[in-house]
mmCIF file of all heavy atoms, coordinates in Angstrom:
data_MODEL
# 
_entry.id   MODEL 
# 
loop_
_atom_site.group_PDB 
_atom_site.id 
_atom_site.type_symbol 
_atom_site.label_atom_id 
_atom_site.label_alt_id 
_atom_site.label_comp_id 
_atom_site.label_asym_id 
_atom_site.label_entity_id 
_atom_site.label_seq_id 
_atom_site.pdbx_PDB_ins_code 
_atom_site.Cartn_x 
_atom_site.Cartn_y 
_atom_site.Cartn_z 
_atom_site.occupancy 
_atom_site.B_iso_or_equiv 
_atom_site.pdbx_formal_charge 
_atom_site.auth_seq_id 
_atom_site.auth_comp_id 
_atom_site.auth_asym_id 
_atom_site.auth_atom_id 
_atom_site.pdbx_PDB_model_num 
ATOM 1   N N   . SER A 1 1  ? 0.839  -1.215 0.003   1.00 0.00 ? 1  SER A N   1 
ATOM 2   C CA  . SER A 1 1  ? 0.004  -0.008 0.003   1.00 0.00 ? 1  SER A CA  1 
ATOM 3   C C   . SER A 1 1  ? 0.858  1.255  0.005   1.00 0.00 ? 1  SER A C   1 
ATOM 4   O O   . SER A 1 1  ? 0.571  2.237  -0.733  1.00 0.00 ? 1  SER A O   1 
ATOM 5   C CB  . SER A 1 1  ? -0.927 -0.001 1.235   1.00 0.00 ? 1  SER A CB  1 
ATOM 6   O OG  . SER A 1 1  ? -1.789 -1.110 1.193   1.00 0.00 ? 1  SER A OG  1 
ATOM 7   N N   . PHE A 1 2  ? 1.919  1.248  0.805   1.00 0.00 ? 2  PHE A N   1 
ATOM 8   C CA  . PHE A 1 2  ? 2.837  2.393  0.827   1.00 0.00 ? 2  PHE A CA  1 
ATOM 9   C C   . PHE A 1 2  ? 3.507  2.567  -0.527  1.00 0.00 ? 2  PHE A C   1 
ATOM 10  O O   . PHE A 1 2  ? 3.662  3.700  -1.021  1.00 0.00 ? 2  PHE A O   1 
ATOM 11  C CB  . PHE A 1 2  ? 3.883  2.183  1.917   1.00 0.00 ? 2  PHE A CB  1 
ATOM 12  C CG  . PHE A 1 2  ? 4.787  3.361  2.131   1.00 0.00 ? 2  PHE A CG  1 
ATOM 13  C CD1 . PHE A 1 2  ? 4.399  4.424  2.923   1.00 0.00 ? 2  PHE A CD1 1 
ATOM 14  C CD2 . PHE A 1 2  ? 6.049  3.409  1.541   1.00 0.00 ? 2  PHE A CD2 1 
ATOM 15  C CE1 . PHE A 1 2  ? 5.249  5.511  3.117   1.00 0.00 ? 2  PHE A CE1 1 
ATOM 16  C CE2 . PHE A 1 2  ? 6.889  4.491  1.749   1.00 0.00 ? 2  PHE A CE2 1 
ATOM 17  C CZ  . PHE A 1 2  ? 6.484  5.546  2.525   1.00 0.00 ? 2  PHE A CZ  1 
ATOM 18  N N   . CYS A 1 3  ? 3.883  1.461  -1.153  1.00 0.00 ? 3  CYS A N   1 
ATOM 19  C CA  . CYS A 1 3  ? 4.531  1.504  -2.477  1.00 0.00 ? 3  CYS A CA  1 
ATOM 20  C C   . CYS A 1 3  ? 3.558  2.073  -3.526  1.00 0.00 ? 3  CYS A C   1 
ATOM 21  O O   . CYS A 1 3  ? 3.965  2.945  -4.344  1.00 0.00 ? 3  CYS A O   1 
ATOM 22  C CB  . CYS A 1 3  ? 4.968  0.086  -2.883  1.00 0.00 ? 3  CYS A CB  1 
ATOM 23  S SG  . CYS A 1 3  ? 5.757  0.003  -4.504  1.00 0.00 ? 3  CYS A SG  1 
ATOM 24  N N   . ILE A 1 4  ? 2.306  1.658  -3.493  1.00 0.00 ? 4  ILE A N   1 
ATOM 25  C CA  . ILE A 1 4  ? 1.331  2.136  -4.475  1.00 0.00 ? 4  ILE A CA  1 
ATOM 26  C C   . ILE A 1 4  ? 1.017  3.607  -4.235  1.00 0.00 ? 4  ILE A C   1 
ATOM 27  O O   . ILE A 1 4  ? 0.839  4.413  -5.187  1.00 0.00 ? 4  ILE A O   1 
ATOM 28  C CB  . ILE A 1 4  ? 0.028  1.297  -4.400  1.00 0.00 ? 4  ILE A CB  1 
ATOM 29  C CG1 . ILE A 1 4  ? 0.337  -0.109 -4.897  1.00 0.00 ? 4  ILE A CG1 1 
ATOM 30  C CG2 . ILE A 1 4  ? -1.085 1.918  -5.209  1.00 0.00 ? 4  ILE A CG2 1 
ATOM 31  C CD1 . ILE A 1 4  ? -0.810 -1.077 -4.756  1.00 0.00 ? 4  ILE A CD1 1 
ATOM 32  N N   . ASN A 1 5  ? 1.001  4.042  -2.963  1.00 0.00 ? 5  ASN A N   1 
ATOM 33  C CA  . ASN A 1 5  ? 0.785  5.463  -2.660  1.00 0.00 ? 5  ASN A CA  1 
ATOM 34  C C   . ASN A 1 5  ? 1.934  6.308  -3.230  1.00 0.00 ? 5  ASN A C   1 
ATOM 35  O O   . ASN A 1 5  ? 1.726  7.431  -3.684  1.00 0.00 ? 5  ASN A O   1 
ATOM 36  C CB  . ASN A 1 5  ? 0.677  5.657  -1.163  1.00 0.00 ? 5  ASN A CB  1 
ATOM 37  C CG  . ASN A 1 5  ? -0.648 5.142  -0.604  1.00 0.00 ? 5  ASN A CG  1 
ATOM 38  O OD1 . ASN A 1 5  ? -1.615 5.006  -1.365  1.00 0.00 ? 5  ASN A OD1 1 
ATOM 39  N ND2 . ASN A 1 5  ? -0.651 4.784  0.681   1.00 0.00 ? 5  ASN A ND2 1 
ATOM 40  N N   . GLN A 1 6  ? 3.175  5.752  -3.165  1.00 0.00 ? 6  GLN A N   1 
ATOM 41  C CA  . GLN A 1 6  ? 4.277  6.476  -3.759  1.00 0.00 ? 6  GLN A CA  1 
ATOM 42  C C   . GLN A 1 6  ? 4.088  6.643  -5.242  1.00 0.00 ? 6  GLN A C   1 
ATOM 43  O O   . GLN A 1 6  ? 4.362  7.716  -5.829  1.00 0.00 ? 6  GLN A O   1 
ATOM 44  C CB  . GLN A 1 6  ? 5.603  5.704  -3.498  1.00 0.00 ? 6  GLN A CB  1 
ATOM 45  C CG  . GLN A 1 6  ? 6.154  5.885  -2.106  1.00 0.00 ? 6  GLN A CG  1 
ATOM 46  C CD  . GLN A 1 6  ? 7.518  5.182  -1.970  1.00 0.00 ? 6  GLN A CD  1 
ATOM 47  O OE1 . GLN A 1 6  ? 7.668  4.016  -2.300  1.00 0.00 ? 6  GLN A OE1 1 
ATOM 48  N NE2 . GLN A 1 6  ? 8.505  5.917  -1.481  1.00 0.00 ? 6  GLN A NE2 1 
ATOM 49  N N   . ILE A 1 7  ? 3.641  5.563  -5.911  1.00 0.00 ? 7  ILE A N   1 
ATOM 50  C CA  . ILE A 1 7  ? 3.410  5.617  -7.375  1.00 0.00 ? 7  ILE A CA  1 
ATOM 51  C C   . ILE A 1 7  ? 2.326  6.662  -7.698  1.00 0.00 ? 7  ILE A C   1 
ATOM 52  O O   . ILE A 1 7  ? 2.448  7.460  -8.637  1.00 0.00 ? 7  ILE A O   1 
ATOM 53  C CB  . ILE A 1 7  ? 3.047  4.222  -7.915  1.00 0.00 ? 7  ILE A CB  1 
ATOM 54  C CG1 . ILE A 1 7  ? 4.201  3.264  -7.717  1.00 0.00 ? 7  ILE A CG1 1 
ATOM 55  C CG2 . ILE A 1 7  ? 2.618  4.314  -9.383  1.00 0.00 ? 7  ILE A CG2 1 
ATOM 56  C CD1 . ILE A 1 7  ? 3.843  1.819  -8.048  1.00 0.00 ? 7  ILE A CD1 1 
ATOM 57  N N   . ASN A 1 8  ? 1.249  6.642  -6.909  1.00 0.00 ? 8  ASN A N   1 
ATOM 58  C CA  . ASN A 1 8  ? 0.185  7.594  -7.148  1.00 0.00 ? 8  ASN A CA  1 
ATOM 59  C C   . ASN A 1 8  ? 0.624  9.045  -6.879  1.00 0.00 ? 8  ASN A C   1 
ATOM 60  O O   . ASN A 1 8  ? 0.028  9.986  -7.452  1.00 0.00 ? 8  ASN A O   1 
ATOM 61  C CB  . ASN A 1 8  ? -1.013 7.269  -6.218  1.00 0.00 ? 8  ASN A CB  1 
ATOM 62  C CG  . ASN A 1 8  ? -1.664 5.949  -6.598  1.00 0.00 ? 8  ASN A CG  1 
ATOM 63  O OD1 . ASN A 1 8  ? -1.544 5.483  -7.747  1.00 0.00 ? 8  ASN A OD1 1 
ATOM 64  N ND2 . ASN A 1 8  ? -2.323 5.296  -5.645  1.00 0.00 ? 8  ASN A ND2 1 
ATOM 65  N N   . SER A 1 9  ? 1.630  9.246  -6.050  1.00 0.00 ? 9  SER A N   1 
ATOM 66  C CA  . SER A 1 9  ? 2.096  10.589 -5.724  1.00 0.00 ? 9  SER A CA  1 
ATOM 67  C C   . SER A 1 9  ? 3.155  11.056 -6.718  1.00 0.00 ? 9  SER A C   1 
ATOM 68  O O   . SER A 1 9  ? 3.695  12.162 -6.590  1.00 0.00 ? 9  SER A O   1 
ATOM 69  C CB  . SER A 1 9  ? 2.675  10.640 -4.335  1.00 0.00 ? 9  SER A CB  1 
ATOM 70  O OG  . SER A 1 9  ? 3.807  9.784  -4.222  1.00 0.00 ? 9  SER A OG  1 
ATOM 71  N N   . GLY A 1 10 ? 3.505  10.253 -7.764  1.00 0.00 ? 10 GLY A N   1 
ATOM 72  C CA  . GLY A 1 10 ? 4.397  10.684 -8.797  1.00 0.00 ? 10 GLY A CA  1 
ATOM 73  C C   . GLY A 1 10 ? 5.726  9.959  -8.882  1.00 0.00 ? 10 GLY A C   1 
ATOM 74  O O   . GLY A 1 10 ? 6.512  10.199 -9.802  1.00 0.00 ? 10 GLY A O   1 
ATOM 75  N N   . VAL A 1 11 ? 6.017  9.051  -7.959  1.00 0.00 ? 11 VAL A N   1 
ATOM 76  C CA  . VAL A 1 11 ? 7.247  8.279  -8.008  1.00 0.00 ? 11 VAL A CA  1 
ATOM 77  C C   . VAL A 1 11 ? 7.126  7.228  -9.099  1.00 0.00 ? 11 VAL A C   1 
ATOM 78  O O   . VAL A 1 11 ? 6.065  6.601  -9.249  1.00 0.00 ? 11 VAL A O   1 
ATOM 79  C CB  . VAL A 1 11 ? 7.554  7.625  -6.633  1.00 0.00 ? 11 VAL A CB  1 
ATOM 80  C CG1 . VAL A 1 11 ? 8.847  6.807  -6.718  1.00 0.00 ? 11 VAL A CG1 1 
ATOM 81  C CG2 . VAL A 1 11 ? 7.682  8.694  -5.553  1.00 0.00 ? 11 VAL A CG2 1 
ATOM 82  N N   . SER A 1 12 ? 8.195  6.994  -9.850  1.00 0.00 ? 12 SER A N   1 
ATOM 83  C CA  . SER A 1 12 ? 8.148  5.987  -10.924 1.00 0.00 ? 12 SER A CA  1 
ATOM 84  C C   . SER A 1 12 ? 7.936  4.597  -10.314 1.00 0.00 ? 12 SER A C   1 
ATOM 85  O O   . SER A 1 12 ? 8.387  4.320  -9.189  1.00 0.00 ? 12 SER A O   1 
ATOM 86  C CB  . SER A 1 12 ? 9.427  6.036  -11.725 1.00 0.00 ? 12 SER A CB  1 
ATOM 87  O OG  . SER A 1 12 ? 10.535 5.647  -10.935 1.00 0.00 ? 12 SER A OG  1 
ATOM 88  N N   . GLU A 1 13 ? 7.265  3.711  -11.093 1.00 0.00 ? 13 GLU A N   1 
ATOM 89  C CA  . GLU A 1 13 ? 7.010  2.364  -10.596 1.00 0.00 ? 13 GLU A CA  1 
ATOM 90  C C   . GLU A 1 13 ? 8.309  1.630  -10.286 1.00 0.00 ? 13 GLU A C   1 
ATOM 91  O O   . GLU A 1 13 ? 8.422  0.949  -9.263  1.00 0.00 ? 13 GLU A O   1 
ATOM 92  C CB  . GLU A 1 13 ? 6.177  1.592  -11.636 1.00 0.00 ? 13 GLU A CB  1 
ATOM 93  C CG  . GLU A 1 13 ? 4.727  2.037  -11.724 1.00 0.00 ? 13 GLU A CG  1 
ATOM 94  C CD  . GLU A 1 13 ? 3.911  1.043  -12.520 1.00 0.00 ? 13 GLU A CD  1 
ATOM 95  O OE1 . GLU A 1 13 ? 4.063  -0.178 -12.306 1.00 0.00 ? 13 GLU A OE1 1 
ATOM 96  O OE2 . GLU A 1 13 ? 3.132  1.489  -13.376 1.00 0.00 ? 13 GLU A OE2 1 
ATOM 97  N N   . SER A 1 14 ? 9.262  1.734  -11.165 1.00 0.00 ? 14 SER A N   1 
ATOM 98  C CA  . SER A 1 14 ? 10.527 1.011  -10.986 1.00 0.00 ? 14 SER A CA  1 
ATOM 99  C C   . SER A 1 14 ? 11.190 1.421  -9.680  1.00 0.00 ? 14 SER A C   1 
ATOM 100 O O   . SER A 1 14 ? 11.653 0.585  -8.894  1.00 0.00 ? 14 SER A O   1 
ATOM 101 C CB  . SER A 1 14 ? 11.456 1.273  -12.172 1.00 0.00 ? 14 SER A CB  1 
ATOM 102 O OG  . SER A 1 14 ? 12.698 0.604  -11.974 1.00 0.00 ? 14 SER A OG  1 
ATOM 103 N N   . LYS A 1 15 ? 11.225 2.747  -9.394  1.00 0.00 ? 15 LYS A N   1 
ATOM 104 C CA  . LYS A 1 15 ? 11.856 3.228  -8.173  1.00 0.00 ? 15 LYS A CA  1 
ATOM 105 C C   . LYS A 1 15 ? 11.054 2.824  -6.945  1.00 0.00 ? 15 LYS A C   1 
ATOM 106 O O   . LYS A 1 15 ? 11.590 2.479  -5.902  1.00 0.00 ? 15 LYS A O   1 
ATOM 107 C CB  . LYS A 1 15 ? 12.025 4.751  -8.220  1.00 0.00 ? 15 LYS A CB  1 
ATOM 108 C CG  . LYS A 1 15 ? 12.831 5.320  -7.048  1.00 0.00 ? 15 LYS A CG  1 
ATOM 109 C CD  . LYS A 1 15 ? 13.018 6.809  -7.192  1.00 0.00 ? 15 LYS A CD  1 
ATOM 110 C CE  . LYS A 1 15 ? 13.960 7.338  -6.085  1.00 0.00 ? 15 LYS A CE  1 
ATOM 111 N NZ  . LYS A 1 15 ? 13.584 6.888  -4.741  1.00 0.00 ? 15 LYS A NZ  1 
ATOM 112 N N   . ALA A 1 16 ? 9.732  2.887  -7.036  1.00 0.00 ? 16 ALA A N   1 
ATOM 113 C CA  . ALA A 1 16 ? 8.867  2.536  -5.903  1.00 0.00 ? 16 ALA A CA  1 
ATOM 114 C C   . ALA A 1 16 ? 9.068  1.077  -5.499  1.00 0.00 ? 16 ALA A C   1 
ATOM 115 O O   . ALA A 1 16 ? 9.207  0.754  -4.296  1.00 0.00 ? 16 ALA A O   1 
ATOM 116 C CB  . ALA A 1 16 ? 7.397  2.808  -6.228  1.00 0.00 ? 16 ALA A CB  1 
ATOM 117 N N   . TYR A 1 17 ? 9.124  0.182  -6.518  1.00 0.00 ? 17 TYR A N   1 
ATOM 118 C CA  . TYR A 1 17 ? 9.312  -1.232 -6.195  1.00 0.00 ? 17 TYR A CA  1 
ATOM 119 C C   . TYR A 1 17 ? 10.745 -1.485 -5.631  1.00 0.00 ? 17 TYR A C   1 
ATOM 120 O O   . TYR A 1 17 ? 10.941 -2.308 -4.739  1.00 0.00 ? 17 TYR A O   1 
ATOM 121 C CB  . TYR A 1 17 ? 9.085  -2.103 -7.433  1.00 0.00 ? 17 TYR A CB  1 
ATOM 122 C CG  . TYR A 1 17 ? 7.689  -2.011 -7.974  1.00 0.00 ? 17 TYR A CG  1 
ATOM 123 C CD1 . TYR A 1 17 ? 7.432  -1.971 -9.346  1.00 0.00 ? 17 TYR A CD1 1 
ATOM 124 C CD2 . TYR A 1 17 ? 6.594  -1.954 -7.112  1.00 0.00 ? 17 TYR A CD2 1 
ATOM 125 C CE1 . TYR A 1 17 ? 6.161  -1.845 -9.851  1.00 0.00 ? 17 TYR A CE1 1 
ATOM 126 C CE2 . TYR A 1 17 ? 5.294  -1.863 -7.622  1.00 0.00 ? 17 TYR A CE2 1 
ATOM 127 C CZ  . TYR A 1 17 ? 5.085  -1.801 -8.956  1.00 0.00 ? 17 TYR A CZ  1 
ATOM 128 O OH  . TYR A 1 17 ? 3.802  -1.699 -9.456  1.00 0.00 ? 17 TYR A OH  1 
ATOM 129 N N   . SER A 1 18 ? 11.704 -0.768 -6.180  1.00 0.00 ? 18 SER A N   1 
ATOM 130 C CA  . SER A 1 18 ? 13.070 -0.893 -5.662  1.00 0.00 ? 18 SER A CA  1 
ATOM 131 C C   . SER A 1 18 ? 13.186 -0.388 -4.218  1.00 0.00 ? 18 SER A C   1 
ATOM 132 O O   . SER A 1 18 ? 13.857 -1.031 -3.405  1.00 0.00 ? 18 SER A O   1 
ATOM 133 C CB  . SER A 1 18 ? 14.011 -0.082 -6.562  1.00 0.00 ? 18 SER A CB  1 
ATOM 134 O OG  . SER A 1 18 ? 15.333 -0.160 -6.092  1.00 0.00 ? 18 SER A OG  1 
ATOM 135 N N   . ASP A 1 19 ? 12.487 0.713  -3.898  1.00 0.00 ? 19 ASP A N   1 
ATOM 136 C CA  . ASP A 1 19 ? 12.510 1.218  -2.528  1.00 0.00 ? 19 ASP A CA  1 
ATOM 137 C C   . ASP A 1 19 ? 11.852 0.225  -1.566  1.00 0.00 ? 19 ASP A C   1 
ATOM 138 O O   . ASP A 1 19 ? 12.284 0.052  -0.446  1.00 0.00 ? 19 ASP A O   1 
ATOM 139 C CB  . ASP A 1 19 ? 11.777 2.568  -2.462  1.00 0.00 ? 19 ASP A CB  1 
ATOM 140 C CG  . ASP A 1 19 ? 12.572 3.692  -3.124  1.00 0.00 ? 19 ASP A CG  1 
ATOM 141 O OD1 . ASP A 1 19 ? 13.777 3.472  -3.356  1.00 0.00 ? 19 ASP A OD1 1 
ATOM 142 O OD2 . ASP A 1 19 ? 11.979 4.745  -3.381  1.00 0.00 ? 19 ASP A OD2 1 
ATOM 143 N N   . MET A 1 20 ? 10.785 -0.443 -2.013  1.00 0.00 ? 20 MET A N   1 
ATOM 144 C CA  . MET A 1 20 ? 10.108 -1.424 -1.162  1.00 0.00 ? 20 MET A CA  1 
ATOM 145 C C   . MET A 1 20 ? 11.060 -2.595 -0.865  1.00 0.00 ? 20 MET A C   1 
ATOM 146 O O   . MET A 1 20 ? 11.122 -3.072 0.276   1.00 0.00 ? 20 MET A O   1 
ATOM 147 C CB  . MET A 1 20 ? 8.849  -1.937 -1.877  1.00 0.00 ? 20 MET A CB  1 
ATOM 148 C CG  . MET A 1 20 ? 8.019  -2.874 -0.982  1.00 0.00 ? 20 MET A CG  1 
ATOM 149 S SD  . MET A 1 20 ? 6.582  -3.589 -1.821  1.00 0.00 ? 20 MET A SD  1 
ATOM 150 C CE  . MET A 1 20 ? 7.383  -4.882 -2.785  1.00 0.00 ? 20 MET A CE  1 
ATOM 151 N N   . ALA A 1 21 ? 11.815 -3.011 -1.850  1.00 0.00 ? 21 ALA A N   1 
ATOM 152 C CA  . ALA A 1 21 ? 12.772 -4.110 -1.647  1.00 0.00 ? 21 ALA A CA  1 
ATOM 153 C C   . ALA A 1 21 ? 13.860 -3.697 -0.652  1.00 0.00 ? 21 ALA A C   1 
ATOM 154 O O   . ALA A 1 21 ? 14.308 -4.504 0.184   1.00 0.00 ? 21 ALA A O   1 
ATOM 155 C CB  . ALA A 1 21 ? 13.408 -4.523 -2.973  1.00 0.00 ? 21 ALA A CB  1 
ATOM 156 N N   . LYS A 1 22 ? 14.296 -2.420 -0.717  1.00 0.00 ? 22 LYS A N   1 
ATOM 157 C CA  . LYS A 1 22 ? 15.323 -1.947 0.228   1.00 0.00 ? 22 LYS A CA  1 
ATOM 158 C C   . LYS A 1 22 ? 14.749 -1.895 1.662   1.00 0.00 ? 22 LYS A C   1 
ATOM 159 O O   . LYS A 1 22 ? 15.455 -2.233 2.605   1.00 0.00 ? 22 LYS A O   1 
ATOM 160 C CB  . LYS A 1 22 ? 15.798 -0.566 -0.191  1.00 0.00 ? 22 LYS A CB  1 
ATOM 161 C CG  . LYS A 1 22 ? 16.639 -0.558 -1.448  1.00 0.00 ? 22 LYS A CG  1 
ATOM 162 C CD  . LYS A 1 22 ? 17.087 0.853  -1.818  1.00 0.00 ? 22 LYS A CD  1 
ATOM 163 C CE  . LYS A 1 22 ? 17.919 0.874  -3.082  1.00 0.00 ? 22 LYS A CE  1 
ATOM 164 N NZ  . LYS A 1 22 ? 18.305 2.249  -3.463  1.00 0.00 ? 22 LYS A NZ  1 
ATOM 165 N N   . ARG A 1 23 ? 13.491 -1.486 1.803   1.00 0.00 ? 23 ARG A N   1 
ATOM 166 C CA  . ARG A 1 23 ? 12.896 -1.421 3.125   1.00 0.00 ? 23 ARG A CA  1 
ATOM 167 C C   . ARG A 1 23 ? 12.756 -2.827 3.723   1.00 0.00 ? 23 ARG A C   1 
ATOM 168 O O   . ARG A 1 23 ? 13.007 -3.047 4.904   1.00 0.00 ? 23 ARG A O   1 
ATOM 169 C CB  . ARG A 1 23 ? 11.525 -0.734 3.059   1.00 0.00 ? 23 ARG A CB  1 
ATOM 170 C CG  . ARG A 1 23 ? 11.555 0.748  2.835   1.00 0.00 ? 23 ARG A CG  1 
ATOM 171 C CD  . ARG A 1 23 ? 10.181 1.352  3.151   1.00 0.00 ? 23 ARG A CD  1 
ATOM 172 N NE  . ARG A 1 23 ? 9.110  0.731  2.372   1.00 0.00 ? 23 ARG A NE  1 
ATOM 173 C CZ  . ARG A 1 23 ? 8.724  1.134  1.204   1.00 0.00 ? 23 ARG A CZ  1 
ATOM 174 N NH1 . ARG A 1 23 ? 9.308  2.154  0.571   1.00 0.00 ? 23 ARG A NH1 1 
ATOM 175 N NH2 . ARG A 1 23 ? 7.731  0.512  0.577   1.00 0.00 ? 23 ARG A NH2 1 
ATOM 176 N N   . VAL A 1 24 ? 12.320 -3.760 2.896   1.00 0.00 ? 24 VAL A N   1 
ATOM 177 C CA  . VAL A 1 24 ? 12.107 -5.125 3.408   1.00 0.00 ? 24 VAL A CA  1 
ATOM 178 C C   . VAL A 1 24 ? 13.432 -5.804 3.715   1.00 0.00 ? 24 VAL A C   1 
ATOM 179 O O   . VAL A 1 24 ? 13.568 -6.517 4.696   1.00 0.00 ? 24 VAL A O   1 
ATOM 180 C CB  . VAL A 1 24 ? 11.307 -5.937 2.362   1.00 0.00 ? 24 VAL A CB  1 
ATOM 181 C CG1 . VAL A 1 24 ? 11.195 -7.396 2.766   1.00 0.00 ? 24 VAL A CG1 1 
ATOM 182 C CG2 . VAL A 1 24 ? 9.880  -5.361 2.212   1.00 0.00 ? 24 VAL A CG2 1 
# 
């Protein structure tokens, strides 16, 4: 949900998924 909210706020999908992997 946090990752999708980032995408909806203008972050690129590739970067949002990459950030999620770093957090996990």
